[in-house]
C-alpha atoms as a PDB file:
ATOM      1  CA  MET A   1     -13.681  63.423 -77.380  1.00  0.00           C
ATOM      2  CA  PRO A   2     -15.650  64.668 -74.316  1.00  0.00           C
ATOM      3  CA  ARG A   3     -16.424  62.059 -71.709  1.00  0.00           C
ATOM      4  CA  THR A   4     -20.121  61.501 -71.144  1.00  0.00           C
ATOM      5  CA  GLY A   5     -21.864  60.243 -68.048  1.00  0.00           C
ATOM      6  CA  PRO A   6     -22.202  61.625 -64.520  1.00  0.00           C
ATOM      7  CA  VAL A   7     -18.683  63.088 -64.234  1.00  0.00           C
ATOM      8  CA  TRP A   8     -20.133  66.607 -64.097  1.00  0.00           C
ATOM      9  CA  LEU A   9     -21.993  65.654 -60.922  1.00  0.00           C
ATOM     10  CA  ALA A  10     -18.742  65.200 -59.045  1.00  0.00           C
ATOM     11  CA  VAL A  11     -17.487  68.604 -60.157  1.00  0.00           C
ATOM     12  CA  VAL A  12     -20.748  70.366 -59.321  1.00  0.00           C
ATOM     13  CA  SER A  13     -20.936  68.549 -55.981  1.00  0.00           C
ATOM     14  CA  ALA A  14     -17.453  69.824 -55.175  1.00  0.00           C
ATOM     15  CA  ALA A  15     -18.699  73.343 -55.824  1.00  0.00           C
ATOM     16  CA  VAL A  16     -21.589  72.770 -53.419  1.00  0.00           C
ATOM     17  CA  LEU A  17     -19.268  71.545 -50.696  1.00  0.00           C
ATOM     18  CA  THR A  18     -17.110  74.628 -51.151  1.00  0.00           C
ATOM     19  CA  ALA A  19     -20.190  76.841 -50.928  1.00  0.00           C
ATOM     20  CA  CYS A  20     -21.155  75.153 -47.663  1.00  0.00           C
ATOM     21  CA  ALA A  21     -17.762  75.693 -46.022  1.00  0.00           C
ATOM     22  CA  PRO A  22     -17.705  77.589 -42.687  1.00  0.00           C
ATOM     23  CA  VAL A  23     -17.925  81.358 -43.071  1.00  0.00           C
ATOM     24  CA  ALA A  24     -14.443  81.797 -41.583  1.00  0.00           C
ATOM     25  CA  GLU A  25     -12.999  79.732 -44.448  1.00  0.00           C
ATOM     26  CA  ARG A  26     -14.681  81.707 -47.225  1.00  0.00           C
ATOM     27  CA  ASP A  27     -13.787  85.100 -48.625  1.00  0.00           C
ATOM     28  CA  ALA A  28     -15.948  88.203 -48.536  1.00  0.00           C
ATOM     29  CA  ALA A  29     -17.518  87.518 -51.929  1.00  0.00           C
ATOM     30  CA  ASP A  30     -19.421  84.611 -50.375  1.00  0.00           C
ATOM     31  CA  THR A  31     -21.262  87.000 -48.051  1.00  0.00           C
ATOM     32  CA  TYR A  32     -23.372  88.493 -50.853  1.00  0.00           C
ATOM     33  CA  ASP A  33     -26.751  87.922 -49.210  1.00  0.00           C
ATOM     34  CA  ASP A  34     -28.707  88.766 -52.380  1.00  0.00           C
ATOM     35  CA  CYS A  35     -26.936  86.141 -54.497  1.00  0.00           C
ATOM     36  CA  HIS A  36     -29.141  83.216 -53.575  1.00  0.00           C
ATOM     37  CA  LYS A  37     -32.439  81.773 -54.759  1.00  0.00           C
ATOM     38  CA  ASP A  38     -34.718  83.425 -52.198  1.00  0.00           C
ATOM     39  CA  ALA A  39     -33.482  86.917 -53.089  1.00  0.00           C
ATOM     40  CA  LEU A  40     -33.089  86.699 -56.878  1.00  0.00           C
ATOM     41  CA  GLY A  41     -35.747  88.222 -59.131  1.00  0.00           C
ATOM     42  CA  THR A  42     -35.936  85.480 -61.747  1.00  0.00           C
ATOM     43  CA  LEU A  43     -38.690  85.128 -64.352  1.00  0.00           C
ATOM     44  CA  TYR A  44     -40.349  82.476 -62.179  1.00  0.00           C
ATOM     45  CA  ALA A  45     -39.981  82.521 -58.400  1.00  0.00           C
ATOM     46  CA  GLY A  46     -37.711  79.730 -57.181  1.00  0.00           C
ATOM     47  CA  ILE A  47     -36.803  78.687 -60.748  1.00  0.00           C
ATOM     48  CA  PHE A  48     -33.753  79.655 -62.810  1.00  0.00           C
ATOM     49  CA  THR A  49     -34.400  79.652 -66.558  1.00  0.00           C
ATOM     50  CA  PHE A  50     -31.458  79.106 -68.892  1.00  0.00           C
ATOM     51  CA  GLY A  51     -31.668  79.647 -72.623  1.00  0.00           C
ATOM     52  CA  THR A  52     -29.685  78.144 -75.470  1.00  0.00           C
ATOM     53  CA  ASP A  53     -29.925  77.727 -79.233  1.00  0.00           C
ATOM     54  CA  GLN A  54     -31.557  74.832 -81.098  1.00  0.00           C
ATOM     55  CA  PRO A  55     -29.873  72.683 -82.100  1.00  0.00           C
ATOM     56  CA  VAL A  56     -26.833  72.735 -79.815  1.00  0.00           C
ATOM     57  CA  TYR A  57     -23.693  70.728 -80.374  1.00  0.00           C
ATOM     58  CA  PRO A  58     -20.905  68.834 -78.609  1.00  0.00           C
ATOM     59  CA  PRO A  59     -18.764  69.570 -76.719  1.00  0.00           C
ATOM     60  CA  TRP A  60     -20.947  72.381 -75.358  1.00  0.00           C
ATOM     61  CA  TYR A  61     -24.090  70.226 -75.077  1.00  0.00           C
ATOM     62  CA  MET A  62     -24.571  66.525 -75.693  1.00  0.00           C
ATOM     63  CA  GLY A  63     -27.455  64.915 -77.568  1.00  0.00           C
ATOM     64  CA  ASP A  64     -29.069  68.330 -78.234  1.00  0.00           C
ATOM     65  CA  ASP A  65     -30.420  68.101 -74.662  1.00  0.00           C
ATOM     66  CA  PRO A  66     -29.233  70.970 -72.441  1.00  0.00           C
ATOM     67  CA  SER A  67     -31.112  69.595 -69.432  1.00  0.00           C
ATOM     68  CA  ASN A  68     -28.967  66.454 -69.102  1.00  0.00           C
ATOM     69  CA  GLY A  69     -26.007  68.305 -67.584  1.00  0.00           C
ATOM     70  CA  GLU A  70     -23.618  66.856 -70.168  1.00  0.00           C
ATOM     71  CA  GLY A  71     -21.331  69.081 -72.222  1.00  0.00           C
ATOM     72  CA  PHE A  72     -19.277  72.031 -71.023  1.00  0.00           C
ATOM     73  CA  GLU A  73     -21.919  74.774 -71.147  1.00  0.00           C
ATOM     74  CA  SER A  74     -24.667  72.584 -69.707  1.00  0.00           C
ATOM     75  CA  ALA A  75     -22.381  71.628 -66.815  1.00  0.00           C
ATOM     76  CA  VAL A  76     -21.373  75.270 -66.277  1.00  0.00           C
ATOM     77  CA  ALA A  77     -25.033  76.318 -66.219  1.00  0.00           C
ATOM     78  CA  TYR A  78     -25.887  73.791 -63.514  1.00  0.00           C
ATOM     79  CA  ALA A  79     -22.779  74.731 -61.535  1.00  0.00           C
ATOM     80  CA  VAL A  80     -23.837  78.404 -61.637  1.00  0.00           C
ATOM     81  CA  ALA A  81     -27.370  77.470 -60.569  1.00  0.00           C
ATOM     82  CA  ILE A  82     -26.107  75.394 -57.656  1.00  0.00           C
ATOM     83  CA  ARG A  83     -23.790  78.204 -56.577  1.00  0.00           C
ATOM     84  CA  LEU A  84     -26.870  80.462 -56.471  1.00  0.00           C
ATOM     85  CA  GLY A  85     -28.825  77.952 -54.399  1.00  0.00           C
ATOM     86  CA  TYR A  86     -30.930  76.195 -57.045  1.00  0.00           C
ATOM     87  CA  ALA A  87     -31.366  72.438 -57.128  1.00  0.00           C
ATOM     88  CA  ARG A  88     -31.219  70.582 -60.438  1.00  0.00           C
ATOM     89  CA  ASP A  89     -35.021  70.289 -60.575  1.00  0.00           C
ATOM     90  CA  GLU A  90     -35.295  74.072 -60.077  1.00  0.00           C
ATOM     91  CA  VAL A  91     -33.578  74.727 -63.417  1.00  0.00           C
ATOM     92  CA  ARG A  92     -35.576  74.978 -66.644  1.00  0.00           C
ATOM     93  CA  TRP A  93     -34.421  75.451 -70.240  1.00  0.00           C
ATOM     94  CA  VAL A  94     -35.853  77.368 -73.201  1.00  0.00           C
ATOM     95  CA  ARG A  95     -34.649  77.481 -76.798  1.00  0.00           C
ATOM     96  CA  VAL A  96     -33.819  80.839 -78.386  1.00  0.00           C
ATOM     97  CA  PRO A  97     -32.156  81.416 -81.792  1.00  0.00           C
ATOM     98  CA  PHE A  98     -28.595  82.738 -81.504  1.00  0.00           C
ATOM     99  CA  ASN A  99     -29.275  86.203 -82.945  1.00  0.00           C
ATOM    100  CA  ALA A 100     -32.588  86.595 -81.093  1.00  0.00           C
ATOM    101  CA  ALA A 101     -30.841  86.040 -77.757  1.00  0.00           C
ATOM    102  CA  LEU A 102     -28.543  88.981 -78.539  1.00  0.00           C
ATOM    103  CA  ALA A 103     -31.311  91.318 -79.727  1.00  0.00           C
ATOM    104  CA  PRO A 104     -32.492  94.219 -77.532  1.00  0.00           C
ATOM    105  CA  GLY A 105     -35.669  93.741 -75.537  1.00  0.00           C
ATOM    106  CA  PRO A 106     -37.127  91.472 -72.830  1.00  0.00           C
ATOM    107  CA  LYS A 107     -35.860  87.903 -72.705  1.00  0.00           C
ATOM    108  CA  THR A 108     -37.602  84.556 -72.182  1.00  0.00           C
ATOM    109  CA  PHE A 109     -34.627  83.395 -70.099  1.00  0.00           C
ATOM    110  CA  ASP A 110     -32.775  84.542 -67.006  1.00  0.00           C
ATOM    111  CA  ALA A 111     -29.386  83.665 -68.535  1.00  0.00           C
ATOM    112  CA  ASN A 112     -28.195  82.119 -71.788  1.00  0.00           C
ATOM    113  CA  LEU A 113     -25.124  80.022 -72.655  1.00  0.00           C
ATOM    114  CA  THR A 114     -24.635  79.533 -76.415  1.00  0.00           C
ATOM    115  CA  GLU A 115     -20.927  80.225 -77.008  1.00  0.00           C
ATOM    116  CA  PHE A 116     -21.542  83.981 -76.937  1.00  0.00           C
ATOM    117  CA  SER A 117     -18.289  85.880 -77.336  1.00  0.00           C
ATOM    118  CA  ILE A 118     -18.156  89.092 -75.340  1.00  0.00           C
ATOM    119  CA  THR A 119     -17.931  92.134 -77.634  1.00  0.00           C
ATOM    120  CA  ASP A 120     -18.502  95.850 -77.135  1.00  0.00           C
ATOM    121  CA  GLN A 121     -21.112  95.863 -79.903  1.00  0.00           C
ATOM    122  CA  ARG A 122     -23.141  93.150 -78.184  1.00  0.00           C
ATOM    123  CA  LYS A 123     -22.812  94.884 -74.809  1.00  0.00           C
ATOM    124  CA  ALA A 124     -24.930  97.704 -76.202  1.00  0.00           C
ATOM    125  CA  ALA A 125     -27.938  95.349 -76.340  1.00  0.00           C
ATOM    126  CA  VAL A 126     -27.372  92.741 -73.602  1.00  0.00           C
ATOM    127  CA  ASP A 127     -25.424  92.115 -70.416  1.00  0.00           C
ATOM    128  CA  PHE A 128     -22.582  89.624 -70.126  1.00  0.00           C
ATOM    129  CA  SER A 129     -21.360  87.805 -67.053  1.00  0.00           C
ATOM    130  CA  SER A 130     -17.707  87.414 -66.197  1.00  0.00           C
ATOM    131  CA  PRO A 131     -16.081  85.222 -68.880  1.00  0.00           C
ATOM    132  CA  TYR A 132     -16.141  81.462 -68.374  1.00  0.00           C
ATOM    133  CA  PHE A 133     -14.017  80.365 -71.366  1.00  0.00           C
ATOM    134  CA  ASP A 134     -11.175  81.752 -73.497  1.00  0.00           C
ATOM    135  CA  VAL A 135     -11.873  81.164 -77.195  1.00  0.00           C
ATOM    136  CA  THR A 136      -9.722  80.239 -80.184  1.00  0.00           C
ATOM    137  CA  GLN A 137     -11.160  80.112 -83.714  1.00  0.00           C
ATOM    138  CA  ALA A 138     -10.276  77.171 -85.937  1.00  0.00           C
ATOM    139  CA  VAL A 139     -10.787  75.688 -89.412  1.00  0.00           C
ATOM    140  CA  VAL A 140     -12.191  72.193 -90.015  1.00  0.00           C
ATOM    141  CA  THR A 141     -12.752  70.309 -93.280  1.00  0.00           C
ATOM    142  CA  VAL A 142     -13.017  66.825 -94.811  1.00  0.00           C
ATOM    143  CA  ARG A 143     -10.170  64.849 -96.376  1.00  0.00           C
ATOM    144  CA  SER A 144     -11.591  65.129 -99.905  1.00  0.00           C
ATOM    145  CA  SER A 145     -11.624  68.950 -99.765  1.00  0.00           C
ATOM    146  CA  PRO A 146      -8.889  71.168-101.231  1.00  0.00           C
ATOM    147  CA  ALA A 147      -8.634  72.623 -97.701  1.00  0.00           C
ATOM    148  CA  ALA A 148      -7.235  69.320 -96.396  1.00  0.00           C
ATOM    149  CA  GLY A 149      -3.661  70.215 -97.278  1.00  0.00           C
ATOM    150  CA  VAL A 150      -3.766  73.858 -96.174  1.00  0.00           C
ATOM    151  CA  LYS A 151      -0.959  74.983 -93.873  1.00  0.00           C
ATOM    152  CA  THR A 152      -1.089  78.795 -94.179  1.00  0.00           C
ATOM    153  CA  LEU A 153      -3.554  81.691 -94.061  1.00  0.00           C
ATOM    154  CA  ALA A 154      -2.587  82.606 -97.626  1.00  0.00           C
ATOM    155  CA  ALA A 155      -3.797  79.213 -98.834  1.00  0.00           C
ATOM    156  CA  LEU A 156      -7.107  79.679 -96.989  1.00  0.00           C
ATOM    157  CA  ARG A 157      -7.803  82.857 -98.974  1.00  0.00           C
ATOM    158  CA  THR A 158      -8.158  80.818-102.162  1.00  0.00           C
ATOM    159  CA  LEU A 159     -10.967  78.700-100.666  1.00  0.00           C
ATOM    160  CA  LYS A 160     -14.646  79.122 -99.797  1.00  0.00           C
ATOM    161  CA  LEU A 161     -15.266  79.123 -96.036  1.00  0.00           C
ATOM    162  CA  GLY A 162     -18.595  78.434 -94.291  1.00  0.00           C
ATOM    163  CA  VAL A 163     -19.723  80.070 -91.041  1.00  0.00           C
ATOM    164  CA  GLN A 164     -22.804  80.555 -88.883  1.00  0.00           C
ATOM    165  CA  VAL A 165     -24.395  83.987 -89.178  1.00  0.00           C
ATOM    166  CA  GLY A 166     -23.859  86.534 -86.417  1.00  0.00           C
ATOM    167  CA  THR A 167     -20.930  84.737 -84.787  1.00  0.00           C
ATOM    168  CA  THR A 168     -17.372  85.852 -84.080  1.00  0.00           C
ATOM    169  CA  SER A 169     -16.388  82.931 -86.337  1.00  0.00           C
ATOM    170  CA  HIS A 170     -18.018  84.919 -89.158  1.00  0.00           C
ATOM    171  CA  THR A 171     -15.868  87.912 -88.215  1.00  0.00           C
ATOM    172  CA  ALA A 172     -12.734  85.750 -88.080  1.00  0.00           C
ATOM    173  CA  ALA A 173     -13.446  84.141 -91.462  1.00  0.00           C
ATOM    174  CA  THR A 174     -14.107  87.520 -93.097  1.00  0.00           C
ATOM    175  CA  SER A 175     -10.831  88.890 -91.726  1.00  0.00           C
ATOM    176  CA  ILE A 176      -8.902  86.201 -93.630  1.00  0.00           C
ATOM    177  CA  GLY A 177      -9.925  87.893 -96.870  1.00  0.00           C
ATOM    178  CA  GLY A 178     -11.308  85.002 -98.906  1.00  0.00           C
ATOM    179  CA  ASP A 179     -14.775  83.900-100.028  1.00  0.00           C
ATOM    180  CA  VAL A 180     -17.152  83.415 -97.074  1.00  0.00           C
ATOM    181  CA  GLU A 181     -20.563  81.730 -97.221  1.00  0.00           C
ATOM    182  CA  VAL A 182     -22.953  82.437 -94.316  1.00  0.00           C
ATOM    183  CA  TYR A 183     -25.486  79.925 -92.916  1.00  0.00           C
ATOM    184  CA  ASN A 184     -28.255  80.195 -90.338  1.00  0.00           C
ATOM    185  CA  THR A 185     -26.942  77.278 -88.253  1.00  0.00           C
ATOM    186  CA  ASN A 186     -23.836  75.144 -87.914  1.00  0.00           C
ATOM    187  CA  THR A 187     -25.924  72.205 -89.139  1.00  0.00           C
ATOM    188  CA  ASP A 188     -26.503  74.016 -92.447  1.00  0.00           C
ATOM    189  CA  ALA A 189     -22.802  74.866 -92.671  1.00  0.00           C
ATOM    190  CA  LYS A 190     -21.778  71.250 -92.012  1.00  0.00           C
ATOM    191  CA  MET A 191     -24.164  70.050 -94.716  1.00  0.00           C
ATOM    192  CA  ALA A 192     -22.589  72.488 -97.169  1.00  0.00           C
ATOM    193  CA  LEU A 193     -19.150  71.122 -96.298  1.00  0.00           C
ATOM    194  CA  THR A 194     -20.185  67.512 -96.862  1.00  0.00           C
ATOM    195  CA  THR A 195     -21.807  68.342-100.230  1.00  0.00           C
ATOM    196  CA  GLY A 196     -18.937  70.492-101.477  1.00  0.00           C
ATOM    197  CA  GLY A 197     -20.755  73.810-101.141  1.00  0.00           C
ATOM    198  CA  VAL A 198     -17.826  75.123 -99.095  1.00  0.00           C
ATOM    199  CA  ASP A 199     -14.257  73.927 -98.676  1.00  0.00           C
ATOM    200  CA  ALA A 200     -13.999  74.332 -94.899  1.00  0.00           C
ATOM    201  CA  LEU A 201     -15.806  75.672 -91.828  1.00  0.00           C
ATOM    202  CA  VAL A 202     -14.631  78.290 -89.347  1.00  0.00           C
ATOM    203  CA  THR A 203     -15.849  77.826 -85.792  1.00  0.00           C
ATOM    204  CA  ASP A 204     -14.532  77.865 -82.228  1.00  0.00           C
ATOM    205  CA  LEU A 205     -11.825  75.296 -81.552  1.00  0.00           C
ATOM    206  CA  PRO A 206     -13.758  72.806 -79.377  1.00  0.00           C
ATOM    207  CA  THR A 207     -16.670  72.805 -81.827  1.00  0.00           C
ATOM    208  CA  ALA A 208     -14.213  72.297 -84.698  1.00  0.00           C
ATOM    209  CA  PHE A 209     -12.856  69.166 -83.006  1.00  0.00           C
ATOM    210  CA  ALA A 210     -16.397  67.918 -82.448  1.00  0.00           C
ATOM    211  CA  VAL A 211     -17.261  68.499 -86.123  1.00  0.00           C
ATOM    212  CA  ALA A 212     -14.077  66.727 -87.248  1.00  0.00           C
ATOM    213  CA  ASN A 213     -15.032  63.727 -85.135  1.00  0.00           C
ATOM    214  CA  GLU A 214     -18.666  63.703 -86.292  1.00  0.00           C
ATOM    215  CA  LEU A 215     -18.070  63.936 -90.045  1.00  0.00           C
ATOM    216  CA  ARG A 216     -16.895  61.027 -92.144  1.00  0.00           C
ATOM    217  CA  ASP A 217     -13.247  61.803 -92.966  1.00  0.00           C
ATOM    218  CA  GLY A 218     -13.431  64.992 -90.899  1.00  0.00           C
ATOM    219  CA  LEU A 219     -10.095  66.758 -90.494  1.00  0.00           C
ATOM    220  CA  MET A 220      -8.811  69.581 -88.277  1.00  0.00           C
ATOM    221  CA  VAL A 221      -6.953  72.108 -90.453  1.00  0.00           C
ATOM    222  CA  GLY A 222      -5.697  74.321 -87.636  1.00  0.00           C
ATOM    223  CA  GLN A 223      -6.251  77.311 -85.378  1.00  0.00           C
ATOM    224  CA  LEU A 224      -6.469  80.911 -86.565  1.00  0.00           C
ATOM    225  CA  PRO A 225      -4.044  83.299 -84.879  1.00  0.00           C
ATOM    226  CA  GLY A 226      -5.635  85.965 -82.705  1.00  0.00           C
ATOM    227  CA  ALA A 227      -6.346  89.183 -84.580  1.00  0.00           C
ATOM    228  CA  THR A 228      -5.288  91.315 -81.605  1.00  0.00           C
ATOM    229  CA  SER A 229      -3.681  90.925 -78.217  1.00  0.00           C
ATOM    230  CA  ASP A 230      -7.168  90.769 -76.686  1.00  0.00           C
ATOM    231  CA  VAL A 231      -8.369  87.293 -75.767  1.00  0.00           C
ATOM    232  CA  GLU A 232     -11.804  86.360 -77.118  1.00  0.00           C
ATOM    233  CA  GLN A 233     -13.968  85.052 -74.277  1.00  0.00           C
ATOM    234  CA  PHE A 234     -17.382  83.467 -73.823  1.00  0.00           C
ATOM    235  CA  GLY A 235     -19.788  85.010 -71.304  1.00  0.00           C
ATOM    236  CA  VAL A 236     -23.303  84.256 -70.069  1.00  0.00           C
ATOM    237  CA  VAL A 237     -25.846  86.547 -71.757  1.00  0.00           C
ATOM    238  CA  LEU A 238     -28.527  88.294 -69.693  1.00  0.00           C
ATOM    239  CA  ASP A 239     -31.078  91.015 -70.372  1.00  0.00           C
ATOM    240  CA  LYS A 240     -29.625  94.524 -70.563  1.00  0.00           C
ATOM    241  CA  SER A 241     -29.177  95.943 -67.040  1.00  0.00           C
ATOM    242  CA  SER A 242     -30.487  92.699 -65.533  1.00  0.00           C
ATOM    243  CA  PRO A 243     -30.435  92.633 -61.717  1.00  0.00           C
ATOM    244  CA  LEU A 244     -29.129  89.062 -62.056  1.00  0.00           C
ATOM    245  CA  THR A 245     -25.912  89.977 -63.894  1.00  0.00           C
ATOM    246  CA  ARG A 246     -23.930  90.796 -60.752  1.00  0.00           C
ATOM    247  CA  CYS A 247     -24.801  87.494 -59.086  1.00  0.00           C
ATOM    248  CA  VAL A 248     -24.250  85.343 -62.166  1.00  0.00           C
ATOM    249  CA  SER A 249     -20.832  86.994 -62.568  1.00  0.00           C
ATOM    250  CA  TRP A 250     -20.115  86.327 -58.903  1.00  0.00           C
ATOM    251  CA  ALA A 251     -21.035  82.664 -59.364  1.00  0.00           C
ATOM    252  CA  VAL A 252     -18.795  82.340 -62.450  1.00  0.00           C
ATOM    253  CA  ASP A 253     -15.925  84.040 -60.620  1.00  0.00           C
ATOM    254  CA  ARG A 254     -16.245  81.681 -57.668  1.00  0.00           C
ATOM    255  CA  LEU A 255     -16.294  78.653 -60.003  1.00  0.00           C
ATOM    256  CA  ARG A 256     -13.075  79.894 -61.570  1.00  0.00           C
ATOM    257  CA  GLU A 257     -11.439  80.575 -58.204  1.00  0.00           C
ATOM    258  CA  ASP A 258     -12.255  77.182 -56.698  1.00  0.00           C
ATOM    259  CA  GLY A 259     -11.083  75.319 -59.811  1.00  0.00           C
ATOM    260  CA  SER A 260     -14.498  74.092 -60.963  1.00  0.00           C
ATOM    261  CA  LEU A 261     -14.264  75.722 -64.412  1.00  0.00           C
ATOM    262  CA  ALA A 262     -10.847  74.184 -64.983  1.00  0.00           C
ATOM    263  CA  GLN A 263     -12.170  70.762 -63.948  1.00  0.00           C
ATOM    264  CA  LEU A 264     -15.126  71.041 -66.318  1.00  0.00           C
ATOM    265  CA  GLN A 265     -12.806  72.004 -69.169  1.00  0.00           C
ATOM    266  CA  GLU A 266     -10.731  68.893 -68.431  1.00  0.00           C
ATOM    267  CA  VAL A 267     -13.881  66.760 -68.628  1.00  0.00           C
ATOM    268  CA  TRP A 268     -15.373  68.207 -71.815  1.00  0.00           C
ATOM    269  CA  LEU A 269     -12.686  70.145 -73.720  1.00  0.00           C
ATOM    270  CA  VAL A 270      -9.631  67.958 -74.164  1.00  0.00           C
ATOM    271  CA  ASP A 271      -8.350  68.316 -77.750  1.00  0.00           C
ATOM    272  CA  GLU A 272      -6.868  71.830 -78.013  1.00  0.00           C
ATOM    273  CA  GLY A 273      -3.248  70.645 -78.169  1.00  0.00           C
ATOM    274  CA  ARG A 274      -3.755  68.811 -81.483  1.00  0.00           C
ATOM    275  CA  ALA A 275      -4.467  71.856 -83.662  1.00  0.00           C
ATOM    276  CA  PRO A 276      -1.521  73.701 -85.241  1.00  0.00           C
ATOM    277  CA  VAL A 277      -1.724  77.481 -85.587  1.00  0.00           C
ATOM    278  CA  LEU A 278      -2.005  78.660 -89.203  1.00  0.00           C
ATOM    279  CA  ARG A 279       0.386  81.492 -90.127  1.00  0.00           C
END
């Protein structure tokens, strides 16, 4: 399970210290003069507005409260903000439904982190930052379900799978070839699983572990193999052709280079090794 508490502060503080290193010790990317608070054209001057869905779930956010800095995506958001020169109290959050955040048109946020996988289709409507997480899809169920004993993809095709609408999990579930039921939110999908409306859920691997831990008799079935050689990745969503995209990508890249993203994954995403790959 993710570890709660102020651990993220230590990681973010380390990023700040790196950002404050002498110029001679930093590479050329750190000389981007327009990638700081005073030069960025955010929705509100001196404030960076992040968006996310409602509700949001562990391990990405904890307690359905993105502002507490707990959970992987919340911690990444604050680390990006700090890299761009914003203090914690200069960050605000708004709630935007998953599909609405990906729709064309002006946004109510500067950037959004809601486990958005980067796809060419989505790039036609919105911008993405550099990727901050490599994604694996997985299947989760409860011990009383016929999915509990599944070991192969062929066995999955005989079952009814639940997914959230508009997600790459939906795409992954459909590609298996069985019966797929679509829900507006993961909460609706989890309810269907507990009441027997579906046999299992398909979602990203960290969320699958969180669901297995939350549900009574929850059980990880396993990971789905990648459909192609391309790695599915999460990226920060911004308005199409946003002037902020370049700087948010720069911030994400720097967090990867200095090890901050890896540290945050160690804090919040710790269970990947316990899910067998279904063949």
